[in-house]
Amino acid sequence: MGAAEQLIRRAHSIFNRIAAGANAVGTLVVFALVAVMNVDVVARGVFNAPFRGVVEVVIFSMILIVFLQLPDVVRIDRLTRSDGLLAVIDERRPDIARMLARIIDAIACIFMGMITWTMWPEFLEAFGSCHYFTPPDFGPETSGNFWQDFNDANARCDYFGTPGILKAPWWPAKLAIVFGVALCCLLFAFKTLLGARQPERLHLEPPVAEPDAGEPGV
């Protein structure tokens, strides 16, 4: 094993840990979403006071859950796919199957890179609309008080939600999308370089022999 391959494998291991950590964070978001939904059900049914903004919370949470857990799905080779043809080829020509698997991973890497390239400017635009570090185009000027300026910046952000009920800046959601697809792009690149994905072999049960008519059943 050469030094370059060792370096690639070490980087692959680091990004695998990052993907696993992102998956854990996504799981915490799932638990938080379940808690919010239960609070809404109890408040709506018992106190006739539904949780305001639960729809917005669900939308925001779903974006975080999907794109925080997507890299770990790629890491463990559980992204939705059909390996039937590769499995058949792997039975006869494993070398060709591995080469095709690398080509598929390379194509997936390219597509994830294209999504990252598309979403990065959208994240920058959404983050820049808040003017956290630049003079604002509108609204109150900076006062020097950190929390006051932070709240004023959040009020200037491009947001989703319903005014008067719940508003949230768009940039954290778009950052999660950029992070998730960029990490997927890197993981697919490592799989392409290292040939880390193995086609799943078909596990076909052998046909059961029918007992002869004259023999008693077991």
N, C-alpha and C. Protein backbone atom coordinates (compact mmCIF):
# COMPACT_ATOMS: atom_id res chain seq x y z
N MET A 1 0.85 -1.19 0.00
CA MET A 1 0.00 0.00 0.00
C MET A 1 0.89 1.24 0.00
N GLY A 2 0.70 2.11 -1.00
CA GLY A 2 1.51 3.29 -1.12
C GLY A 2 1.10 4.38 -0.15
N ALA A 3 1.96 5.40 -0.06
CA ALA A 3 1.67 6.51 0.86
C ALA A 3 0.41 7.25 0.44
N ALA A 4 0.21 7.41 -0.88
CA ALA A 4 -0.97 8.12 -1.36
C ALA A 4 -2.24 7.37 -0.98
N GLU A 5 -2.23 6.05 -1.14
CA GLU A 5 -3.41 5.26 -0.79
C GLU A 5 -3.68 5.31 0.71
N GLN A 6 -2.62 5.27 1.51
CA GLN A 6 -2.79 5.38 2.96
C GLN A 6 -3.42 6.72 3.34
N LEU A 7 -2.98 7.79 2.68
CA LEU A 7 -3.54 9.12 2.95
C LEU A 7 -5.01 9.17 2.57
N ILE A 8 -5.35 8.57 1.41
CA ILE A 8 -6.74 8.56 0.97
C ILE A 8 -7.60 7.76 1.95
N ARG A 9 -7.10 6.63 2.40
CA ARG A 9 -7.87 5.81 3.33
C ARG A 9 -8.04 6.52 4.68
N ARG A 10 -7.02 7.25 5.09
CA ARG A 10 -7.14 7.98 6.36
C ARG A 10 -8.18 9.10 6.23
N ALA A 11 -8.14 9.82 5.10
CA ALA A 11 -9.15 10.85 4.88
C ALA A 11 -10.54 10.24 4.78
N HIS A 12 -10.64 9.08 4.13
CA HIS A 12 -11.93 8.38 4.02
C HIS A 12 -12.47 8.04 5.40
N SER A 13 -11.60 7.58 6.29
CA SER A 13 -12.02 7.24 7.64
C SER A 13 -12.52 8.47 8.40
N ILE A 14 -11.83 9.60 8.20
CA ILE A 14 -12.24 10.83 8.88
C ILE A 14 -13.62 11.27 8.41
N PHE A 15 -13.84 11.26 7.11
CA PHE A 15 -15.14 11.69 6.58
C PHE A 15 -16.23 10.68 6.91
N ASN A 16 -15.88 9.41 7.07
CA ASN A 16 -16.87 8.44 7.54
C ASN A 16 -17.33 8.78 8.95
N ARG A 17 -16.39 9.20 9.80
CA ARG A 17 -16.77 9.58 11.16
C ARG A 17 -17.65 10.84 11.16
N ILE A 18 -17.33 11.77 10.27
CA ILE A 18 -18.16 12.98 10.17
C ILE A 18 -19.57 12.60 9.74
N ALA A 19 -19.69 11.68 8.78
CA ALA A 19 -21.01 11.24 8.32
C ALA A 19 -21.78 10.56 9.45
N ALA A 20 -21.09 9.73 10.24
CA ALA A 20 -21.74 9.08 11.37
C ALA A 20 -22.18 10.10 12.41
N GLY A 21 -21.35 11.12 12.65
CA GLY A 21 -21.73 12.18 13.59
C GLY A 21 -22.92 12.97 13.11
N ALA A 22 -22.96 13.28 11.80
CA ALA A 22 -24.10 14.00 11.24
C ALA A 22 -25.37 13.17 11.36
N ASN A 23 -25.23 11.86 11.19
CA ASN A 23 -26.39 10.98 11.35
C ASN A 23 -26.92 11.03 12.78
N ALA A 24 -26.00 11.08 13.76
CA ALA A 24 -26.41 11.17 15.16
C ALA A 24 -27.15 12.48 15.43
N VAL A 25 -26.65 13.58 14.85
CA VAL A 25 -27.35 14.86 15.00
C VAL A 25 -28.74 14.80 14.37
N GLY A 26 -28.82 14.18 13.18
CA GLY A 26 -30.13 14.02 12.54
C GLY A 26 -31.08 13.21 13.39
N THR A 27 -30.56 12.20 14.08
CA THR A 27 -31.41 11.40 14.98
C THR A 27 -31.94 12.25 16.13
N LEU A 28 -31.10 13.14 16.66
CA LEU A 28 -31.57 14.05 17.72
C LEU A 28 -32.67 14.97 17.19
N VAL A 29 -32.55 15.40 15.95
CA VAL A 29 -33.60 16.23 15.35
C VAL A 29 -34.90 15.43 15.24
N VAL A 30 -34.79 14.14 14.92
CA VAL A 30 -35.98 13.28 14.87
C VAL A 30 -36.66 13.24 16.23
N PHE A 31 -35.86 13.02 17.29
CA PHE A 31 -36.42 12.99 18.64
C PHE A 31 -37.09 14.32 19.00
N ALA A 32 -36.44 15.43 18.63
CA ALA A 32 -37.03 16.74 18.91
C ALA A 32 -38.34 16.92 18.15
N LEU A 33 -38.37 16.44 16.90
CA LEU A 33 -39.59 16.56 16.11
C LEU A 33 -40.71 15.73 16.71
N VAL A 34 -40.39 14.52 17.18
CA VAL A 34 -41.39 13.68 17.84
C VAL A 34 -41.93 14.37 19.08
N ALA A 35 -41.04 15.00 19.86
CA ALA A 35 -41.48 15.72 21.06
C ALA A 35 -42.42 16.86 20.71
N VAL A 36 -42.07 17.63 19.66
CA VAL A 36 -42.91 18.75 19.25
C VAL A 36 -44.28 18.25 18.80
N MET A 37 -44.31 17.16 18.03
CA MET A 37 -45.58 16.63 17.55
C MET A 37 -46.44 16.15 18.72
N ASN A 38 -45.83 15.51 19.73
CA ASN A 38 -46.60 15.05 20.88
C ASN A 38 -47.13 16.21 21.71
N VAL A 39 -46.29 17.24 21.86
CA VAL A 39 -46.76 18.43 22.58
C VAL A 39 -47.94 19.05 21.85
N ASP A 40 -47.87 19.10 20.52
CA ASP A 40 -48.97 19.68 19.74
C ASP A 40 -50.24 18.86 19.90
N VAL A 41 -50.11 17.52 19.88
CA VAL A 41 -51.30 16.67 20.01
C VAL A 41 -51.95 16.86 21.38
N VAL A 42 -51.12 16.85 22.45
CA VAL A 42 -51.67 17.01 23.80
C VAL A 42 -52.27 18.41 23.97
N ALA A 43 -51.55 19.43 23.52
CA ALA A 43 -52.06 20.79 23.68
C ALA A 43 -53.34 21.01 22.88
N ARG A 44 -53.42 20.40 21.71
CA ARG A 44 -54.61 20.57 20.87
C ARG A 44 -55.80 19.81 21.44
N GLY A 45 -55.55 18.57 21.91
CA GLY A 45 -56.66 17.74 22.36
C GLY A 45 -57.11 18.03 23.78
N VAL A 46 -56.17 18.36 24.67
CA VAL A 46 -56.51 18.54 26.08
C VAL A 46 -56.83 20.00 26.40
N PHE A 47 -56.00 20.92 25.90
CA PHE A 47 -56.15 22.32 26.28
C PHE A 47 -56.75 23.18 25.17
N ASN A 48 -57.05 22.55 24.01
CA ASN A 48 -57.58 23.30 22.87
C ASN A 48 -56.69 24.49 22.52
N ALA A 49 -55.37 24.28 22.61
CA ALA A 49 -54.40 25.34 22.33
C ALA A 49 -53.26 24.73 21.52
N PRO A 50 -53.45 24.59 20.21
CA PRO A 50 -52.42 23.94 19.38
C PRO A 50 -51.11 24.71 19.39
N PHE A 51 -50.04 23.98 19.17
CA PHE A 51 -48.70 24.56 19.10
C PHE A 51 -48.59 25.41 17.85
N ARG A 52 -48.31 26.69 18.03
CA ARG A 52 -48.23 27.61 16.90
C ARG A 52 -46.94 27.37 16.11
N GLY A 53 -47.09 27.18 14.80
CA GLY A 53 -45.92 27.02 13.95
C GLY A 53 -45.45 25.59 13.82
N VAL A 54 -46.28 24.60 14.17
CA VAL A 54 -45.84 23.22 14.10
C VAL A 54 -45.56 22.80 12.65
N VAL A 55 -46.32 23.34 11.70
CA VAL A 55 -46.09 22.99 10.29
C VAL A 55 -44.71 23.48 9.86
N GLU A 56 -44.36 24.70 10.22
CA GLU A 56 -43.05 25.25 9.86
C GLU A 56 -41.92 24.45 10.51
N VAL A 57 -42.13 24.03 11.77
CA VAL A 57 -41.12 23.24 12.45
C VAL A 57 -40.92 21.90 11.75
N VAL A 58 -42.01 21.28 11.30
CA VAL A 58 -41.91 19.99 10.60
C VAL A 58 -41.15 20.16 9.29
N ILE A 59 -41.47 21.21 8.53
CA ILE A 59 -40.79 21.44 7.25
C ILE A 59 -39.29 21.63 7.47
N PHE A 60 -38.94 22.49 8.41
CA PHE A 60 -37.53 22.76 8.69
C PHE A 60 -36.82 21.50 9.18
N SER A 61 -37.48 20.75 10.06
CA SER A 61 -36.87 19.55 10.62
C SER A 61 -36.65 18.49 9.55
N MET A 62 -37.59 18.33 8.62
CA MET A 62 -37.44 17.32 7.58
C MET A 62 -36.23 17.60 6.70
N ILE A 63 -35.99 18.88 6.40
CA ILE A 63 -34.81 19.22 5.61
C ILE A 63 -33.54 18.83 6.37
N LEU A 64 -33.50 19.16 7.66
CA LEU A 64 -32.31 18.81 8.46
C LEU A 64 -32.13 17.30 8.55
N ILE A 65 -33.22 16.57 8.80
CA ILE A 65 -33.12 15.13 8.97
C ILE A 65 -32.60 14.46 7.70
N VAL A 66 -33.17 14.83 6.56
CA VAL A 66 -32.80 14.17 5.30
C VAL A 66 -31.34 14.41 4.97
N PHE A 67 -30.91 15.67 5.03
CA PHE A 67 -29.57 15.99 4.54
C PHE A 67 -28.48 15.80 5.59
N LEU A 68 -28.86 15.65 6.86
CA LEU A 68 -27.86 15.26 7.86
C LEU A 68 -27.63 13.75 7.87
N GLN A 69 -28.66 12.98 7.54
CA GLN A 69 -28.53 11.53 7.58
C GLN A 69 -28.17 10.93 6.22
N LEU A 70 -28.32 11.70 5.15
CA LEU A 70 -28.00 11.18 3.82
C LEU A 70 -26.54 10.71 3.69
N PRO A 71 -25.54 11.47 4.19
CA PRO A 71 -24.16 10.98 4.03
C PRO A 71 -23.91 9.63 4.69
N ASP A 72 -24.52 9.37 5.84
CA ASP A 72 -24.30 8.08 6.48
C ASP A 72 -24.97 6.96 5.70
N VAL A 73 -26.07 7.26 5.04
CA VAL A 73 -26.71 6.28 4.16
C VAL A 73 -25.76 5.90 3.03
N VAL A 74 -25.08 6.92 2.47
CA VAL A 74 -24.09 6.65 1.43
C VAL A 74 -22.92 5.85 2.00
N ARG A 75 -22.51 6.20 3.21
CA ARG A 75 -21.35 5.53 3.82
C ARG A 75 -21.57 4.03 3.96
N ILE A 76 -22.76 3.63 4.37
CA ILE A 76 -23.02 2.21 4.62
C ILE A 76 -23.66 1.53 3.41
N ASP A 77 -23.65 2.21 2.25
CA ASP A 77 -24.16 1.62 1.00
C ASP A 77 -25.62 1.23 1.11
N ARG A 78 -26.44 2.13 1.69
CA ARG A 78 -27.86 1.86 1.79
C ARG A 78 -28.69 2.89 1.02
N LEU A 79 -28.05 3.65 0.14
CA LEU A 79 -28.80 4.55 -0.71
C LEU A 79 -29.61 3.73 -1.70
N THR A 80 -30.85 4.14 -1.95
CA THR A 80 -31.74 3.38 -2.82
C THR A 80 -31.11 3.15 -4.19
N ARG A 81 -31.01 1.90 -4.57
CA ARG A 81 -30.40 1.55 -5.84
C ARG A 81 -30.83 0.12 -6.21
N SER A 82 -30.54 -0.25 -7.42
CA SER A 82 -30.82 -1.61 -7.88
C SER A 82 -29.50 -2.25 -8.31
N ASP A 83 -29.07 -3.24 -7.53
CA ASP A 83 -27.82 -3.94 -7.80
C ASP A 83 -28.04 -5.30 -8.45
N GLY A 84 -29.25 -5.52 -8.97
CA GLY A 84 -29.55 -6.84 -9.52
C GLY A 84 -28.61 -7.23 -10.63
N LEU A 85 -28.40 -6.32 -11.61
CA LEU A 85 -27.52 -6.62 -12.73
C LEU A 85 -26.08 -6.80 -12.25
N LEU A 86 -25.63 -5.91 -11.35
CA LEU A 86 -24.27 -6.03 -10.83
C LEU A 86 -24.06 -7.33 -10.08
N ALA A 87 -25.09 -7.75 -9.34
CA ALA A 87 -24.97 -8.99 -8.59
C ALA A 87 -24.84 -10.19 -9.52
N VAL A 88 -25.60 -10.17 -10.63
CA VAL A 88 -25.50 -11.26 -11.60
C VAL A 88 -24.12 -11.27 -12.25
N ILE A 89 -23.63 -10.08 -12.64
CA ILE A 89 -22.30 -10.00 -13.25
C ILE A 89 -21.23 -10.42 -12.25
N ASP A 90 -21.43 -10.06 -10.96
CA ASP A 90 -20.42 -10.37 -9.94
C ASP A 90 -20.28 -11.88 -9.74
N GLU A 91 -21.35 -12.62 -10.01
CA GLU A 91 -21.26 -14.07 -9.87
C GLU A 91 -20.29 -14.67 -10.88
N ARG A 92 -20.19 -14.04 -12.07
CA ARG A 92 -19.36 -14.60 -13.14
C ARG A 92 -18.06 -13.83 -13.33
N ARG A 93 -18.16 -12.49 -13.30
CA ARG A 93 -16.99 -11.64 -13.55
C ARG A 93 -16.90 -10.58 -12.46
N PRO A 94 -16.34 -10.90 -11.31
CA PRO A 94 -16.27 -9.92 -10.22
C PRO A 94 -15.50 -8.66 -10.58
N ASP A 95 -14.46 -8.80 -11.43
CA ASP A 95 -13.66 -7.64 -11.79
C ASP A 95 -14.49 -6.62 -12.58
N ILE A 96 -15.32 -7.11 -13.50
CA ILE A 96 -16.18 -6.21 -14.27
C ILE A 96 -17.23 -5.57 -13.36
N ALA A 97 -17.77 -6.34 -12.43
CA ALA A 97 -18.78 -5.80 -11.51
C ALA A 97 -18.19 -4.68 -10.66
N ARG A 98 -16.96 -4.86 -10.18
CA ARG A 98 -16.34 -3.81 -9.37
C ARG A 98 -16.05 -2.57 -10.21
N MET A 99 -15.65 -2.77 -11.46
CA MET A 99 -15.40 -1.63 -12.33
C MET A 99 -16.69 -0.86 -12.59
N LEU A 100 -17.80 -1.57 -12.84
CA LEU A 100 -19.09 -0.91 -13.05
C LEU A 100 -19.55 -0.19 -11.78
N ALA A 101 -19.29 -0.80 -10.62
CA ALA A 101 -19.65 -0.15 -9.36
C ALA A 101 -18.89 1.15 -9.19
N ARG A 102 -17.62 1.17 -9.57
CA ARG A 102 -16.84 2.41 -9.49
C ARG A 102 -17.37 3.46 -10.46
N ILE A 103 -17.78 3.03 -11.64
CA ILE A 103 -18.34 3.99 -12.61
C ILE A 103 -19.63 4.60 -12.07
N ILE A 104 -20.48 3.76 -11.46
CA ILE A 104 -21.73 4.26 -10.88
C ILE A 104 -21.45 5.24 -9.75
N ASP A 105 -20.48 4.91 -8.90
CA ASP A 105 -20.11 5.82 -7.81
C ASP A 105 -19.54 7.13 -8.36
N ALA A 106 -18.79 7.06 -9.45
CA ALA A 106 -18.24 8.28 -10.05
C ALA A 106 -19.35 9.17 -10.59
N ILE A 107 -20.37 8.56 -11.23
CA ILE A 107 -21.50 9.33 -11.73
C ILE A 107 -22.26 9.97 -10.57
N ALA A 108 -22.46 9.20 -9.49
CA ALA A 108 -23.13 9.74 -8.30
C ALA A 108 -22.34 10.90 -7.72
N CYS A 109 -21.01 10.78 -7.70
CA CYS A 109 -20.15 11.86 -7.21
C CYS A 109 -20.34 13.12 -8.04
N ILE A 110 -20.42 12.97 -9.36
CA ILE A 110 -20.60 14.12 -10.25
C ILE A 110 -21.94 14.79 -9.97
N PHE A 111 -23.00 14.01 -9.82
CA PHE A 111 -24.32 14.59 -9.58
C PHE A 111 -24.36 15.30 -8.23
N MET A 112 -23.77 14.70 -7.20
CA MET A 112 -23.74 15.36 -5.90
C MET A 112 -22.92 16.65 -5.97
N GLY A 113 -21.84 16.63 -6.74
CA GLY A 113 -21.05 17.84 -6.92
C GLY A 113 -21.85 18.93 -7.64
N MET A 114 -22.67 18.55 -8.61
CA MET A 114 -23.49 19.53 -9.33
C MET A 114 -24.52 20.16 -8.39
N ILE A 115 -25.11 19.32 -7.51
CA ILE A 115 -26.08 19.87 -6.55
C ILE A 115 -25.38 20.84 -5.59
N THR A 116 -24.19 20.46 -5.13
CA THR A 116 -23.43 21.34 -4.25
C THR A 116 -23.12 22.66 -4.94
N TRP A 117 -22.68 22.58 -6.19
CA TRP A 117 -22.35 23.77 -6.97
C TRP A 117 -23.57 24.68 -7.13
N THR A 118 -24.75 24.07 -7.26
CA THR A 118 -25.98 24.84 -7.44
C THR A 118 -26.44 25.48 -6.13
N MET A 119 -26.31 24.74 -5.03
CA MET A 119 -26.86 25.22 -3.76
C MET A 119 -25.94 26.20 -3.05
N TRP A 120 -24.63 26.16 -3.30
CA TRP A 120 -23.70 27.04 -2.59
C TRP A 120 -24.03 28.51 -2.80
N PRO A 121 -24.26 29.00 -4.03
CA PRO A 121 -24.63 30.42 -4.18
C PRO A 121 -25.94 30.76 -3.49
N GLU A 122 -26.88 29.81 -3.46
CA GLU A 122 -28.16 30.08 -2.78
C GLU A 122 -27.94 30.23 -1.28
N PHE A 123 -27.05 29.41 -0.73
CA PHE A 123 -26.73 29.57 0.70
C PHE A 123 -26.08 30.91 0.96
N LEU A 124 -25.11 31.29 0.12
CA LEU A 124 -24.43 32.57 0.31
C LEU A 124 -25.41 33.72 0.22
N GLU A 125 -26.35 33.64 -0.73
CA GLU A 125 -27.34 34.71 -0.86
C GLU A 125 -28.24 34.78 0.35
N ALA A 126 -28.70 33.62 0.85
CA ALA A 126 -29.57 33.60 2.02
C ALA A 126 -28.83 34.10 3.26
N PHE A 127 -27.57 33.69 3.42
CA PHE A 127 -26.79 34.13 4.57
C PHE A 127 -26.46 35.62 4.46
N GLY A 128 -26.13 36.06 3.25
CA GLY A 128 -25.79 37.47 3.07
C GLY A 128 -26.95 38.40 3.28
N SER A 129 -28.19 37.90 3.10
CA SER A 129 -29.36 38.76 3.29
C SER A 129 -29.50 39.21 4.74
N CYS A 130 -28.88 38.48 5.67
CA CYS A 130 -28.99 38.84 7.09
C CYS A 130 -28.06 39.99 7.46
N HIS A 131 -26.94 40.14 6.72
CA HIS A 131 -25.95 41.18 7.01
C HIS A 131 -25.44 41.06 8.46
N TYR A 132 -24.97 39.86 8.79
CA TYR A 132 -24.40 39.67 10.12
C TYR A 132 -23.10 40.46 10.30
N PHE A 133 -22.32 40.53 9.22
CA PHE A 133 -20.99 41.13 9.32
C PHE A 133 -20.81 42.33 8.41
N THR A 134 -21.85 42.72 7.73
CA THR A 134 -21.77 43.88 6.82
C THR A 134 -22.85 44.88 7.17
N PRO A 135 -22.68 46.15 6.81
CA PRO A 135 -23.71 47.15 7.11
C PRO A 135 -25.02 46.78 6.42
N PRO A 136 -26.15 46.88 7.12
CA PRO A 136 -27.43 46.49 6.53
C PRO A 136 -27.90 47.49 5.47
N ASP A 137 -28.63 46.96 4.50
CA ASP A 137 -29.23 47.81 3.48
C ASP A 137 -30.50 48.50 3.98
N PHE A 138 -31.12 47.89 4.97
CA PHE A 138 -32.34 48.46 5.53
C PHE A 138 -32.42 48.04 6.99
N GLY A 139 -33.37 48.61 7.72
CA GLY A 139 -33.54 48.26 9.11
C GLY A 139 -32.62 49.07 10.01
N PRO A 140 -32.65 48.77 11.31
CA PRO A 140 -31.84 49.53 12.27
C PRO A 140 -30.35 49.30 12.05
N GLU A 141 -29.57 50.34 12.32
CA GLU A 141 -28.11 50.23 12.24
C GLU A 141 -27.58 49.42 13.43
N THR A 142 -26.34 48.96 13.28
CA THR A 142 -25.73 48.20 14.36
C THR A 142 -25.55 49.10 15.58
N SER A 143 -25.82 48.51 16.75
CA SER A 143 -25.78 49.27 18.00
C SER A 143 -24.55 48.96 18.85
N GLY A 144 -23.85 47.89 18.52
CA GLY A 144 -22.72 47.47 19.35
C GLY A 144 -23.09 46.44 20.38
N ASN A 145 -24.40 46.26 20.61
CA ASN A 145 -24.88 45.22 21.52
C ASN A 145 -25.03 43.93 20.71
N PHE A 146 -24.31 42.88 21.10
CA PHE A 146 -24.25 41.66 20.29
C PHE A 146 -25.64 41.06 20.07
N TRP A 147 -26.38 40.82 21.16
CA TRP A 147 -27.66 40.14 21.02
C TRP A 147 -28.67 40.99 20.27
N GLN A 148 -28.65 42.29 20.51
CA GLN A 148 -29.57 43.17 19.79
C GLN A 148 -29.27 43.17 18.29
N ASP A 149 -27.98 43.28 17.96
CA ASP A 149 -27.60 43.27 16.54
C ASP A 149 -27.89 41.90 15.91
N PHE A 150 -27.71 40.81 16.68
CA PHE A 150 -27.99 39.48 16.16
C PHE A 150 -29.48 39.31 15.86
N ASN A 151 -30.34 39.77 16.77
CA ASN A 151 -31.78 39.68 16.54
C ASN A 151 -32.22 40.56 15.37
N ASP A 152 -31.62 41.74 15.27
CA ASP A 152 -31.95 42.62 14.12
C ASP A 152 -31.53 41.97 12.81
N ALA A 153 -30.37 41.30 12.81
CA ALA A 153 -29.90 40.63 11.59
C ALA A 153 -30.83 39.48 11.22
N ASN A 154 -31.27 38.72 12.21
CA ASN A 154 -32.21 37.63 11.92
C ASN A 154 -33.52 38.15 11.35
N ALA A 155 -33.93 39.32 11.80
CA ALA A 155 -35.16 39.90 11.26
C ALA A 155 -35.02 40.31 9.80
N ARG A 156 -33.78 40.56 9.36
CA ARG A 156 -33.56 40.95 7.96
C ARG A 156 -33.40 39.76 7.03
N CYS A 157 -33.20 38.56 7.59
CA CYS A 157 -32.89 37.38 6.77
C CYS A 157 -34.05 37.02 5.85
N ASP A 158 -33.69 36.40 4.71
CA ASP A 158 -34.70 35.70 3.93
C ASP A 158 -35.24 34.57 4.81
N TYR A 159 -36.54 34.48 4.93
CA TYR A 159 -37.12 33.54 5.88
C TYR A 159 -38.20 32.70 5.20
N PHE A 160 -38.53 31.61 5.87
CA PHE A 160 -39.72 30.85 5.49
C PHE A 160 -40.61 30.77 6.72
N GLY A 161 -41.87 30.49 6.50
CA GLY A 161 -42.82 30.47 7.60
C GLY A 161 -43.93 31.47 7.39
N THR A 162 -44.68 31.69 8.43
CA THR A 162 -45.83 32.58 8.38
C THR A 162 -45.60 33.74 9.35
N PRO A 163 -45.55 34.97 8.85
CA PRO A 163 -45.36 36.12 9.76
C PRO A 163 -46.46 36.15 10.82
N GLY A 164 -46.06 36.41 12.03
CA GLY A 164 -46.99 36.43 13.14
C GLY A 164 -47.18 35.09 13.82
N ILE A 165 -46.71 34.01 13.16
CA ILE A 165 -46.82 32.68 13.77
C ILE A 165 -45.42 32.13 14.05
N LEU A 166 -44.66 31.88 12.99
CA LEU A 166 -43.30 31.42 13.17
C LEU A 166 -42.51 31.74 11.90
N LYS A 167 -41.38 32.40 12.06
CA LYS A 167 -40.48 32.68 10.95
C LYS A 167 -39.09 32.16 11.33
N ALA A 168 -38.39 31.65 10.34
CA ALA A 168 -37.03 31.16 10.56
C ALA A 168 -36.18 31.49 9.35
N PRO A 169 -34.91 31.85 9.55
CA PRO A 169 -34.05 32.13 8.40
C PRO A 169 -33.88 30.89 7.53
N TRP A 170 -33.73 31.14 6.23
CA TRP A 170 -33.54 30.04 5.28
C TRP A 170 -32.13 29.46 5.32
N TRP A 171 -31.15 30.29 5.72
CA TRP A 171 -29.77 29.84 5.51
C TRP A 171 -29.37 28.59 6.29
N PRO A 172 -29.87 28.33 7.52
CA PRO A 172 -29.47 27.06 8.16
C PRO A 172 -29.93 25.83 7.37
N ALA A 173 -31.14 25.91 6.80
CA ALA A 173 -31.63 24.78 6.01
C ALA A 173 -30.77 24.60 4.76
N LYS A 174 -30.43 25.70 4.10
CA LYS A 174 -29.61 25.58 2.89
C LYS A 174 -28.19 25.16 3.23
N LEU A 175 -27.70 25.56 4.38
CA LEU A 175 -26.39 25.08 4.82
C LEU A 175 -26.41 23.58 5.04
N ALA A 176 -27.48 23.06 5.63
CA ALA A 176 -27.60 21.61 5.83
C ALA A 176 -27.61 20.87 4.49
N ILE A 177 -28.29 21.45 3.49
CA ILE A 177 -28.32 20.82 2.17
C ILE A 177 -26.92 20.81 1.57
N VAL A 178 -26.23 21.96 1.62
CA VAL A 178 -24.87 22.03 1.07
C VAL A 178 -23.95 21.05 1.78
N PHE A 179 -24.02 21.02 3.10
CA PHE A 179 -23.17 20.12 3.88
C PHE A 179 -23.44 18.66 3.51
N GLY A 180 -24.72 18.28 3.45
CA GLY A 180 -25.06 16.89 3.19
C GLY A 180 -24.63 16.42 1.81
N VAL A 181 -24.94 17.20 0.78
CA VAL A 181 -24.61 16.75 -0.58
C VAL A 181 -23.11 16.86 -0.83
N ALA A 182 -22.43 17.85 -0.24
CA ALA A 182 -20.98 17.94 -0.41
C ALA A 182 -20.28 16.74 0.24
N LEU A 183 -20.74 16.35 1.42
CA LEU A 183 -20.16 15.18 2.08
C LEU A 183 -20.45 13.91 1.28
N CYS A 184 -21.66 13.80 0.72
CA CYS A 184 -21.98 12.65 -0.14
C CYS A 184 -21.06 12.62 -1.35
N CYS A 185 -20.78 13.80 -1.93
CA CYS A 185 -19.88 13.88 -3.08
C CYS A 185 -18.50 13.35 -2.71
N LEU A 186 -18.00 13.74 -1.55
CA LEU A 186 -16.68 13.27 -1.11
C LEU A 186 -16.68 11.76 -0.86
N LEU A 187 -17.74 11.26 -0.23
CA LEU A 187 -17.80 9.82 0.06
C LEU A 187 -17.87 9.00 -1.23
N PHE A 188 -18.64 9.48 -2.21
CA PHE A 188 -18.68 8.78 -3.49
C PHE A 188 -17.33 8.85 -4.19
N ALA A 189 -16.63 9.97 -4.04
CA ALA A 189 -15.29 10.08 -4.63
C ALA A 189 -14.34 9.06 -4.01
N PHE A 190 -14.40 8.90 -2.67
CA PHE A 190 -13.56 7.91 -2.01
C PHE A 190 -13.91 6.49 -2.46
N LYS A 191 -15.21 6.22 -2.60
CA LYS A 191 -15.63 4.90 -3.06
C LYS A 191 -15.12 4.63 -4.47
N THR A 192 -15.10 5.69 -5.30
CA THR A 192 -14.60 5.53 -6.67
C THR A 192 -13.11 5.24 -6.66
N LEU A 193 -12.37 5.95 -5.84
CA LEU A 193 -10.91 5.77 -5.81
C LEU A 193 -10.50 4.45 -5.18
N LEU A 194 -11.21 4.06 -4.13
CA LEU A 194 -10.80 2.88 -3.37
C LEU A 194 -11.55 1.61 -3.77
N GLY A 195 -12.62 1.78 -4.57
CA GLY A 195 -13.43 0.61 -4.90
C GLY A 195 -14.07 0.02 -3.67
N ALA A 196 -14.60 0.90 -2.80
CA ALA A 196 -15.07 0.46 -1.49
C ALA A 196 -16.42 -0.24 -1.54
N ARG A 197 -17.18 -0.04 -2.61
CA ARG A 197 -18.52 -0.64 -2.66
C ARG A 197 -18.46 -1.98 -3.37
N GLN A 198 -19.05 -2.98 -2.75
CA GLN A 198 -19.14 -4.31 -3.33
C GLN A 198 -20.59 -4.58 -3.70
N PRO A 199 -20.84 -5.03 -4.92
CA PRO A 199 -22.23 -5.38 -5.28
C PRO A 199 -22.73 -6.49 -4.38
N GLU A 200 -23.97 -6.37 -3.93
CA GLU A 200 -24.55 -7.39 -3.07
C GLU A 200 -24.86 -8.63 -3.91
N ARG A 201 -24.39 -9.74 -3.41
CA ARG A 201 -24.64 -10.98 -4.13
C ARG A 201 -26.09 -11.43 -3.94
N LEU A 202 -26.61 -12.08 -4.95
CA LEU A 202 -27.96 -12.62 -4.86
C LEU A 202 -27.94 -13.88 -4.00
N HIS A 203 -28.90 -13.96 -3.10
CA HIS A 203 -29.02 -15.13 -2.25
C HIS A 203 -30.27 -15.89 -2.68
N LEU A 204 -30.09 -16.75 -3.63
CA LEU A 204 -31.22 -17.50 -4.17
C LEU A 204 -31.30 -18.85 -3.47
N GLU A 205 -32.50 -19.14 -2.97
CA GLU A 205 -32.70 -20.43 -2.31
C GLU A 205 -32.75 -21.53 -3.36
N PRO A 206 -32.07 -22.65 -3.14
CA PRO A 206 -32.16 -23.76 -4.09
C PRO A 206 -33.57 -24.32 -4.12
N PRO A 207 -34.03 -24.77 -5.28
CA PRO A 207 -35.39 -25.31 -5.36
C PRO A 207 -35.55 -26.54 -4.47
N VAL A 208 -36.69 -26.62 -3.80
CA VAL A 208 -36.98 -27.74 -2.91
C VAL A 208 -37.55 -28.88 -3.73
N ALA A 209 -36.93 -30.06 -3.62
CA ALA A 209 -37.40 -31.22 -4.37
C ALA A 209 -38.75 -31.68 -3.84
N GLU A 210 -39.69 -31.91 -4.76
CA GLU A 210 -41.00 -32.41 -4.38
C GLU A 210 -40.89 -33.88 -4.03
N PRO A 211 -41.51 -34.30 -2.93
CA PRO A 211 -41.48 -35.75 -2.60
C PRO A 211 -42.27 -36.56 -3.61
N ASP A 212 -41.84 -37.81 -3.83
CA ASP A 212 -42.56 -38.67 -4.73
C ASP A 212 -43.94 -38.98 -4.17
N ALA A 213 -44.87 -39.24 -5.09
CA ALA A 213 -46.24 -39.46 -4.68
C ALA A 213 -46.37 -40.71 -3.80
N GLY A 214 -45.49 -41.72 -4.07
CA GLY A 214 -45.61 -42.97 -3.33
C GLY A 214 -44.95 -42.92 -1.98
N GLU A 215 -44.14 -41.90 -1.71
CA GLU A 215 -43.44 -41.82 -0.43
C GLU A 215 -44.26 -41.03 0.57
N PRO A 216 -44.30 -41.46 1.80
CA PRO A 216 -45.03 -40.70 2.82
C PRO A 216 -44.35 -39.38 3.11
N GLY A 217 -45.12 -38.37 3.43
CA GLY A 217 -44.55 -37.06 3.78
C GLY A 217 -43.81 -37.15 5.08
N VAL A 218 -42.83 -36.27 5.22
CA VAL A 218 -42.05 -36.25 6.44
C VAL A 218 -42.78 -35.45 7.49
